[in-house]
Amino acid sequence: MFVGLGIILLVLGGILAFAVSESLEGIDLVMVGWILIAGGVLSLVIGAIQGLGWMTARRTQMRTERHMSDDGQHYVEETRAD
């Protein structure tokens, strides 16, 4: 979600900052473009941080197996993380 928003903000900000030569009374379109670019970069950074967090998170399952020993008097318990 953040990556898509970041790309849209970067594109809109780049258009306003570099391609639009019109001016509106009381609004600096170049500055608005740079603000949108900054918001796009921030959104991409947040998206990258979220992506790294999801990629490194593993699901760990603990498995415990119990076996009867050969003499039939003892249990052997083995716990593993898969």
PDB file of N, CA and C in Angstrom:
ATOM      1  N   MET A   1       0.829  -1.186   0.000  1.00  0.00           N
ATOM      2  CA  MET A   1       0.000   0.000   0.000  1.00  0.00           C
ATOM      3  C   MET A   1       0.876   1.252   0.000  1.00  0.00           C
ATOM      4  N   PHE A   2       1.875   1.273   0.875  1.00  0.00           N
ATOM      5  CA  PHE A   2       2.722   2.452   0.961  1.00  0.00           C
ATOM      6  C   PHE A   2       3.584   2.635  -0.288  1.00  0.00           C
ATOM      7  N   VAL A   3       3.968   1.536  -0.901  1.00  0.00           N
ATOM      8  CA  VAL A   3       4.816   1.638  -2.086  1.00  0.00           C
ATOM      9  C   VAL A   3       4.037   2.270  -3.238  1.00  0.00           C
ATOM     10  N   GLY A   4       2.805   1.833  -3.455  1.00  0.00           N
ATOM     11  CA  GLY A   4       1.976   2.414  -4.514  1.00  0.00           C
ATOM     12  C   GLY A   4       1.714   3.889  -4.278  1.00  0.00           C
ATOM     13  N   LEU A   5       1.398   4.242  -3.044  1.00  0.00           N
ATOM     14  CA  LEU A   5       1.181   5.646  -2.699  1.00  0.00           C
ATOM     15  C   LEU A   5       2.450   6.460  -2.910  1.00  0.00           C
ATOM     16  N   GLY A   6       3.590   5.891  -2.533  1.00  0.00           N
ATOM     17  CA  GLY A   6       4.860   6.597  -2.702  1.00  0.00           C
ATOM     18  C   GLY A   6       5.168   6.871  -4.164  1.00  0.00           C
ATOM     19  N   ILE A   7       4.899   5.894  -5.025  1.00  0.00           N
ATOM     20  CA  ILE A   7       5.150   6.090  -6.458  1.00  0.00           C
ATOM     21  C   ILE A   7       4.240   7.167  -7.021  1.00  0.00           C
ATOM     22  N   ILE A   8       2.969   7.136  -6.633  1.00  0.00           N
ATOM     23  CA  ILE A   8       2.028   8.163  -7.115  1.00  0.00           C
ATOM     24  C   ILE A   8       2.454   9.550  -6.659  1.00  0.00           C
ATOM     25  N   LEU A   9       2.842   9.667  -5.389  1.00  0.00           N
ATOM     26  CA  LEU A   9       3.287  10.972  -4.885  1.00  0.00           C
ATOM     27  C   LEU A   9       4.552  11.447  -5.582  1.00  0.00           C
ATOM     28  N   LEU A  10       5.473  10.544  -5.852  1.00  0.00           N
ATOM     29  CA  LEU A  10       6.694  10.926  -6.566  1.00  0.00           C
ATOM     30  C   LEU A  10       6.392  11.428  -7.973  1.00  0.00           C
ATOM     31  N   VAL A  11       5.512  10.732  -8.664  1.00  0.00           N
ATOM     32  CA  VAL A  11       5.174  11.136 -10.035  1.00  0.00           C
ATOM     33  C   VAL A  11       4.471  12.493 -10.037  1.00  0.00           C
ATOM     34  N   LEU A  12       3.466  12.640  -9.175  1.00  0.00           N
ATOM     35  CA  LEU A  12       2.754  13.931  -9.124  1.00  0.00           C
ATOM     36  C   LEU A  12       3.683  15.067  -8.688  1.00  0.00           C
ATOM     37  N   GLY A  13       4.527  14.799  -7.701  1.00  0.00           N
ATOM     38  CA  GLY A  13       5.468  15.818  -7.250  1.00  0.00           C
ATOM     39  C   GLY A  13       6.470  16.187  -8.327  1.00  0.00           C
ATOM     40  N   GLY A  14       6.951  15.192  -9.061  1.00  0.00           N
ATOM     41  CA  GLY A  14       7.887  15.477 -10.149  1.00  0.00           C
ATOM     42  C   GLY A  14       7.243  16.306 -11.253  1.00  0.00           C
ATOM     43  N   ILE A  15       6.000  16.009 -11.563  1.00  0.00           N
ATOM     44  CA  ILE A  15       5.294  16.798 -12.582  1.00  0.00           C
ATOM     45  C   ILE A  15       5.144  18.238 -12.120  1.00  0.00           C
ATOM     46  N   LEU A  16       4.718  18.424 -10.874  1.00  0.00           N
ATOM     47  CA  LEU A  16       4.539  19.797 -10.383  1.00  0.00           C
ATOM     48  C   LEU A  16       5.866  20.528 -10.230  1.00  0.00           C
ATOM     49  N   ALA A  17       6.903  19.843  -9.790  1.00  0.00           N
ATOM     50  CA  ALA A  17       8.173  20.512  -9.533  1.00  0.00           C
ATOM     51  C   ALA A  17       8.952  20.819 -10.802  1.00  0.00           C
ATOM     52  N   PHE A  18       8.857  19.950 -11.811  1.00  0.00           N
ATOM     53  CA  PHE A  18       9.725  20.107 -12.970  1.00  0.00           C
ATOM     54  C   PHE A  18       9.011  20.431 -14.278  1.00  0.00           C
ATOM     55  N   ALA A  19       7.751  20.059 -14.412  1.00  0.00           N
ATOM     56  CA  ALA A  19       7.113  20.183 -15.721  1.00  0.00           C
ATOM     57  C   ALA A  19       6.088  21.306 -15.816  1.00  0.00           C
ATOM     58  N   VAL A  20       5.573  21.761 -14.716  1.00  0.00           N
ATOM     59  CA  VAL A  20       4.531  22.791 -14.759  1.00  0.00           C
ATOM     60  C   VAL A  20       5.182  24.156 -14.632  1.00  0.00           C
ATOM     61  N   SER A  21       4.872  24.996 -15.595  1.00  0.00           N
ATOM     62  CA  SER A  21       5.430  26.354 -15.547  1.00  0.00           C
ATOM     63  C   SER A  21       4.354  27.393 -15.213  1.00  0.00           C
ATOM     64  N   GLU A  22       3.145  26.964 -15.042  1.00  0.00           N
ATOM     65  CA  GLU A  22       2.059  27.879 -14.671  1.00  0.00           C
ATOM     66  C   GLU A  22       2.183  28.230 -13.197  1.00  0.00           C
ATOM     67  N   SER A  23       1.549  29.311 -12.820  1.00  0.00           N
ATOM     68  CA  SER A  23       1.567  29.702 -11.417  1.00  0.00           C
ATOM     69  C   SER A  23       0.152  30.057 -10.978  1.00  0.00           C
ATOM     70  N   LEU A  24      -0.108  29.786  -9.740  1.00  0.00           N
ATOM     71  CA  LEU A  24      -1.379  30.152  -9.129  1.00  0.00           C
ATOM     72  C   LEU A  24      -1.110  31.219  -8.088  1.00  0.00           C
ATOM     73  N   GLU A  25      -2.050  32.099  -7.933  1.00  0.00           N
ATOM     74  CA  GLU A  25      -1.874  33.200  -6.992  1.00  0.00           C
ATOM     75  C   GLU A  25      -1.876  32.660  -5.560  1.00  0.00           C
ATOM     76  N   GLY A  26      -0.795  32.856  -4.850  1.00  0.00           N
ATOM     77  CA  GLY A  26      -0.690  32.433  -3.464  1.00  0.00           C
ATOM     78  C   GLY A  26      -0.208  31.003  -3.261  1.00  0.00           C
ATOM     79  N   ILE A  27       0.013  30.257  -4.352  1.00  0.00           N
ATOM     80  CA  ILE A  27       0.459  28.872  -4.226  1.00  0.00           C
ATOM     81  C   ILE A  27       1.724  28.686  -5.072  1.00  0.00           C
ATOM     82  N   ASP A  28       2.768  28.223  -4.446  1.00  0.00           N
ATOM     83  CA  ASP A  28       4.009  27.921  -5.154  1.00  0.00           C
ATOM     84  C   ASP A  28       3.961  26.457  -5.578  1.00  0.00           C
ATOM     85  N   LEU A  29       3.671  26.181  -6.847  1.00  0.00           N
ATOM     86  CA  LEU A  29       3.507  24.819  -7.334  1.00  0.00           C
ATOM     87  C   LEU A  29       4.807  24.017  -7.273  1.00  0.00           C
ATOM     88  N   VAL A  30       5.927  24.691  -7.437  1.00  0.00           N
ATOM     89  CA  VAL A  30       7.210  23.996  -7.340  1.00  0.00           C
ATOM     90  C   VAL A  30       7.407  23.474  -5.919  1.00  0.00           C
ATOM     91  N   MET A  31       7.079  24.293  -4.925  1.00  0.00           N
ATOM     92  CA  MET A  31       7.210  23.864  -3.534  1.00  0.00           C
ATOM     93  C   MET A  31       6.229  22.739  -3.215  1.00  0.00           C
ATOM     94  N   VAL A  32       5.015  22.817  -3.724  1.00  0.00           N
ATOM     95  CA  VAL A  32       4.041  21.740  -3.536  1.00  0.00           C
ATOM     96  C   VAL A  32       4.580  20.453  -4.158  1.00  0.00           C
ATOM     97  N   GLY A  33       5.215  20.553  -5.317  1.00  0.00           N
ATOM     98  CA  GLY A  33       5.817  19.391  -5.951  1.00  0.00           C
ATOM     99  C   GLY A  33       6.900  18.774  -5.094  1.00  0.00           C
ATOM    100  N   TRP A  34       7.763  19.595  -4.520  1.00  0.00           N
ATOM    101  CA  TRP A  34       8.832  19.070  -3.664  1.00  0.00           C
ATOM    102  C   TRP A  34       8.275  18.439  -2.393  1.00  0.00           C
ATOM    103  N   ILE A  35       7.205  19.012  -1.862  1.00  0.00           N
ATOM    104  CA  ILE A  35       6.569  18.421  -0.680  1.00  0.00           C
ATOM    105  C   ILE A  35       5.988  17.052  -1.024  1.00  0.00           C
ATOM    106  N   LEU A  36       5.367  16.932  -2.201  1.00  0.00           N
ATOM    107  CA  LEU A  36       4.835  15.643  -2.630  1.00  0.00           C
ATOM    108  C   LEU A  36       5.959  14.627  -2.855  1.00  0.00           C
ATOM    109  N   ILE A  37       7.075  15.076  -3.409  1.00  0.00           N
ATOM    110  CA  ILE A  37       8.222  14.186  -3.597  1.00  0.00           C
ATOM    111  C   ILE A  37       8.732  13.691  -2.244  1.00  0.00           C
ATOM    112  N   ALA A  38       8.832  14.584  -1.273  1.00  0.00           N
ATOM    113  CA  ALA A  38       9.284  14.182   0.071  1.00  0.00           C
ATOM    114  C   ALA A  38       8.313  13.181   0.690  1.00  0.00           C
ATOM    115  N   GLY A  39       7.020  13.418   0.507  1.00  0.00           N
ATOM    116  CA  GLY A  39       6.034  12.471   1.020  1.00  0.00           C
ATOM    117  C   GLY A  39       6.137  11.125   0.325  1.00  0.00           C
ATOM    118  N   GLY A  40       6.417  11.125  -0.966  1.00  0.00           N
ATOM    119  CA  GLY A  40       6.593   9.878  -1.699  1.00  0.00           C
ATOM    120  C   GLY A  40       7.804   9.096  -1.233  1.00  0.00           C
ATOM    121  N   VAL A  41       8.899   9.797  -0.992  1.00  0.00           N
ATOM    122  CA  VAL A  41      10.109   9.126  -0.492  1.00  0.00           C
ATOM    123  C   VAL A  41       9.845   8.536   0.892  1.00  0.00           C
ATOM    124  N   LEU A  42       9.187   9.299   1.750  1.00  0.00           N
ATOM    125  CA  LEU A  42       8.865   8.809   3.084  1.00  0.00           C
ATOM    126  C   LEU A  42       7.957   7.574   3.010  1.00  0.00           C
ATOM    127  N   SER A  43       6.992   7.611   2.118  1.00  0.00           N
ATOM    128  CA  SER A  43       6.093   6.472   1.947  1.00  0.00           C
ATOM    129  C   SER A  43       6.843   5.240   1.448  1.00  0.00           C
ATOM    130  N   LEU A  44       7.780   5.418   0.527  1.00  0.00           N
ATOM    131  CA  LEU A  44       8.584   4.289   0.048  1.00  0.00           C
ATOM    132  C   LEU A  44       9.467   3.716   1.153  1.00  0.00           C
ATOM    133  N   VAL A  45      10.019   4.570   1.992  1.00  0.00           N
ATOM    134  CA  VAL A  45      10.852   4.099   3.102  1.00  0.00           C
ATOM    135  C   VAL A  45       9.998   3.288   4.085  1.00  0.00           C
ATOM    136  N   ILE A  46       8.809   3.781   4.402  1.00  0.00           N
ATOM    137  CA  ILE A  46       7.918   3.047   5.307  1.00  0.00           C
ATOM    138  C   ILE A  46       7.540   1.704   4.692  1.00  0.00           C
ATOM    139  N   GLY A  47       7.237   1.695   3.400  1.00  0.00           N
ATOM    140  CA  GLY A  47       6.909   0.448   2.726  1.00  0.00           C
ATOM    141  C   GLY A  47       8.068  -0.537   2.734  1.00  0.00           C
ATOM    142  N   ALA A  48       9.288  -0.031   2.564  1.00  0.00           N
ATOM    143  CA  ALA A  48      10.470  -0.906   2.588  1.00  0.00           C
ATOM    144  C   ALA A  48      10.692  -1.486   3.978  1.00  0.00           C
ATOM    145  N   ILE A  49      10.494  -0.679   5.001  1.00  0.00           N
ATOM    146  CA  ILE A  49      10.658  -1.165   6.375  1.00  0.00           C
ATOM    147  C   ILE A  49       9.624  -2.231   6.678  1.00  0.00           C
ATOM    148  N   GLN A  50       8.381  -2.000   6.260  1.00  0.00           N
ATOM    149  CA  GLN A  50       7.345  -3.013   6.465  1.00  0.00           C
ATOM    150  C   GLN A  50       7.666  -4.286   5.700  1.00  0.00           C
ATOM    151  N   GLY A  51       8.119  -4.147   4.487  1.00  0.00           N
ATOM    152  CA  GLY A  51       8.456  -5.321   3.684  1.00  0.00           C
ATOM    153  C   GLY A  51       9.573  -6.135   4.290  1.00  0.00           C
ATOM    154  N   LEU A  52      10.591  -5.471   4.820  1.00  0.00           N
ATOM    155  CA  LEU A  52      11.687  -6.185   5.457  1.00  0.00           C
ATOM    156  C   LEU A  52      11.216  -6.907   6.714  1.00  0.00           C
ATOM    157  N   GLY A  53      10.315  -6.289   7.438  1.00  0.00           N
ATOM    158  CA  GLY A  53       9.789  -6.929   8.642  1.00  0.00           C
ATOM    159  C   GLY A  53       9.000  -8.176   8.312  1.00  0.00           C
ATOM    160  N   TRP A  54       8.243  -8.148   7.236  1.00  0.00           N
ATOM    161  CA  TRP A  54       7.451  -9.312   6.861  1.00  0.00           C
ATOM    162  C   TRP A  54       8.322 -10.413   6.280  1.00  0.00           C
ATOM    163  N   MET A  55       9.389 -10.041   5.591  1.00  0.00           N
ATOM    164  CA  MET A  55      10.228 -11.057   4.970  1.00  0.00           C
ATOM    165  C   MET A  55      11.082 -11.785   6.003  1.00  0.00           C
ATOM    166  N   THR A  56      11.483 -11.113   7.053  1.00  0.00           N
ATOM    167  CA  THR A  56      12.340 -11.752   8.043  1.00  0.00           C
ATOM    168  C   THR A  56      11.546 -12.518   9.091  1.00  0.00           C
ATOM    169  N   ALA A  57      10.272 -12.238   9.215  1.00  0.00           N
ATOM    170  CA  ALA A  57       9.457 -12.939  10.210  1.00  0.00           C
ATOM    171  C   ALA A  57       9.175 -14.354   9.715  1.00  0.00           C
ATOM    172  N   ARG A  58       9.561 -15.323  10.516  1.00  0.00           N
ATOM    173  CA  ARG A  58       9.303 -16.720  10.177  1.00  0.00           C
ATOM    174  C   ARG A  58       8.286 -17.269  11.153  1.00  0.00           C
ATOM    175  N   ARG A  59       7.569 -18.205  10.667  1.00  0.00           N
ATOM    176  CA  ARG A  59       6.664 -18.923  11.555  1.00  0.00           C
ATOM    177  C   ARG A  59       7.413 -20.134  12.086  1.00  0.00           C
ATOM    178  N   THR A  60       7.588 -20.167  13.374  1.00  0.00           N
ATOM    179  CA  THR A  60       8.299 -21.271  14.002  1.00  0.00           C
ATOM    180  C   THR A  60       7.288 -22.159  14.701  1.00  0.00           C
ATOM    181  N   GLN A  61       7.339 -23.416  14.385  1.00  0.00           N
ATOM    182  CA  GLN A  61       6.469 -24.379  15.023  1.00  0.00           C
ATOM    183  C   GLN A  61       7.319 -25.314  15.870  1.00  0.00           C
ATOM    184  N   MET A  62       6.853 -25.547  17.070  1.00  0.00           N
ATOM    185  CA  MET A  62       7.531 -26.471  17.951  1.00  0.00           C
ATOM    186  C   MET A  62       6.857 -27.834  17.810  1.00  0.00           C
ATOM    187  N   ARG A  63       7.668 -28.853  17.662  1.00  0.00           N
ATOM    188  CA  ARG A  63       7.143 -30.203  17.516  1.00  0.00           C
ATOM    189  C   ARG A  63       7.751 -31.069  18.618  1.00  0.00           C
ATOM    190  N   THR A  64       6.898 -31.716  19.360  1.00  0.00           N
ATOM    191  CA  THR A  64       7.346 -32.607  20.418  1.00  0.00           C
ATOM    192  C   THR A  64       6.926 -34.024  20.068  1.00  0.00           C
ATOM    193  N   GLU A  65       7.876 -34.922  20.076  1.00  0.00           N
ATOM    194  CA  GLU A  65       7.606 -36.330  19.794  1.00  0.00           C
ATOM    195  C   GLU A  65       7.991 -37.150  21.017  1.00  0.00           C
ATOM    196  N   ARG A  66       7.124 -38.073  21.369  1.00  0.00           N
ATOM    197  CA  ARG A  66       7.400 -38.961  22.499  1.00  0.00           C
ATOM    198  C   ARG A  66       7.462 -40.392  21.979  1.00  0.00           C
ATOM    199  N   HIS A  67       8.500 -41.061  22.385  1.00  0.00           N
ATOM    200  CA  HIS A  67       8.703 -42.443  21.958  1.00  0.00           C
ATOM    201  C   HIS A  67       8.923 -43.313  23.203  1.00  0.00           C
ATOM    202  N   MET A  68       8.448 -44.524  23.122  1.00  0.00           N
ATOM    203  CA  MET A  68       8.688 -45.494  24.187  1.00  0.00           C
ATOM    204  C   MET A  68      10.075 -46.102  23.958  1.00  0.00           C
ATOM    205  N   SER A  69      10.838 -46.192  25.007  1.00  0.00           N
ATOM    206  CA  SER A  69      12.165 -46.792  24.881  1.00  0.00           C
ATOM    207  C   SER A  69      12.031 -48.279  24.563  1.00  0.00           C
ATOM    208  N   ASP A  70      13.138 -48.858  24.164  1.00  0.00           N
ATOM    209  CA  ASP A  70      13.125 -50.255  23.760  1.00  0.00           C
ATOM    210  C   ASP A  70      12.731 -51.195  24.906  1.00  0.00           C
ATOM    211  N   ASP A  71      13.063 -50.815  26.135  1.00  0.00           N
ATOM    212  CA  ASP A  71      12.721 -51.690  27.260  1.00  0.00           C
ATOM    213  C   ASP A  71      11.269 -51.519  27.711  1.00  0.00           C
ATOM    214  N   GLY A  72      10.564 -50.503  27.155  1.00  0.00           N
ATOM    215  CA  GLY A  72       9.155 -50.295  27.465  1.00  0.00           C
ATOM    216  C   GLY A  72       8.892 -49.634  28.795  1.00  0.00           C
ATOM    217  N   GLN A  73       9.915 -49.126  29.463  1.00  0.00           N
ATOM    218  CA  GLN A  73       9.727 -48.527  30.776  1.00  0.00           C
ATOM    219  C   GLN A  73       9.925 -47.014  30.778  1.00  0.00           C
ATOM    220  N   HIS A  74      10.500 -46.460  29.741  1.00  0.00           N
ATOM    221  CA  HIS A  74      10.805 -45.031  29.737  1.00  0.00           C
ATOM    222  C   HIS A  74      10.279 -44.388  28.457  1.00  0.00           C
ATOM    223  N   TYR A  75       9.911 -43.124  28.609  1.00  0.00           N
ATOM    224  CA  TYR A  75       9.539 -42.323  27.447  1.00  0.00           C
ATOM    225  C   TYR A  75      10.734 -41.466  27.038  1.00  0.00           C
ATOM    226  N   VAL A  76      10.939 -41.346  25.769  1.00  0.00           N
ATOM    227  CA  VAL A  76      11.966 -40.454  25.237  1.00  0.00           C
ATOM    228  C   VAL A  76      11.229 -39.314  24.550  1.00  0.00           C
ATOM    229  N   GLU A  77      11.531 -38.094  24.998  1.00  0.00           N
ATOM    230  CA  GLU A  77      10.827 -36.920  24.455  1.00  0.00           C
ATOM    231  C   GLU A  77      11.815 -36.071  23.678  1.00  0.00           C
ATOM    232  N   GLU A  78      11.415 -35.674  22.491  1.00  0.00           N
ATOM    233  CA  GLU A  78      12.275 -34.874  21.628  1.00  0.00           C
ATOM    234  C   GLU A  78      11.482 -33.664  21.162  1.00  0.00           C
ATOM    235  N   THR A  79      12.013 -32.467  21.356  1.00  0.00           N
ATOM    236  CA  THR A  79      11.351 -31.228  20.946  1.00  0.00           C
ATOM    237  C   THR A  79      12.223 -30.547  19.897  1.00  0.00           C
ATOM    238  N   ARG A  80      11.613 -30.196  18.769  1.00  0.00           N
ATOM    239  CA  ARG A  80      12.332 -29.518  17.678  1.00  0.00           C
ATOM    240  C   ARG A  80      11.552 -28.302  17.225  1.00  0.00           C
ATOM    241  N   ALA A  81      12.284 -27.323  16.758  1.00  0.00           N
ATOM    242  CA  ALA A  81      11.666 -26.141  16.133  1.00  0.00           C
ATOM    243  C   ALA A  81      11.774 -26.298  14.627  1.00  0.00           C
ATOM    244  N   ASP A  82      10.635 -26.261  13.948  1.00  0.00           N
ATOM    245  CA  ASP A  82      10.624 -26.392  12.485  1.00  0.00           C
ATOM    246  C   ASP A  82      10.454 -25.040  11.843  1.00  0.00           C
TER     247      ASP A  82
END
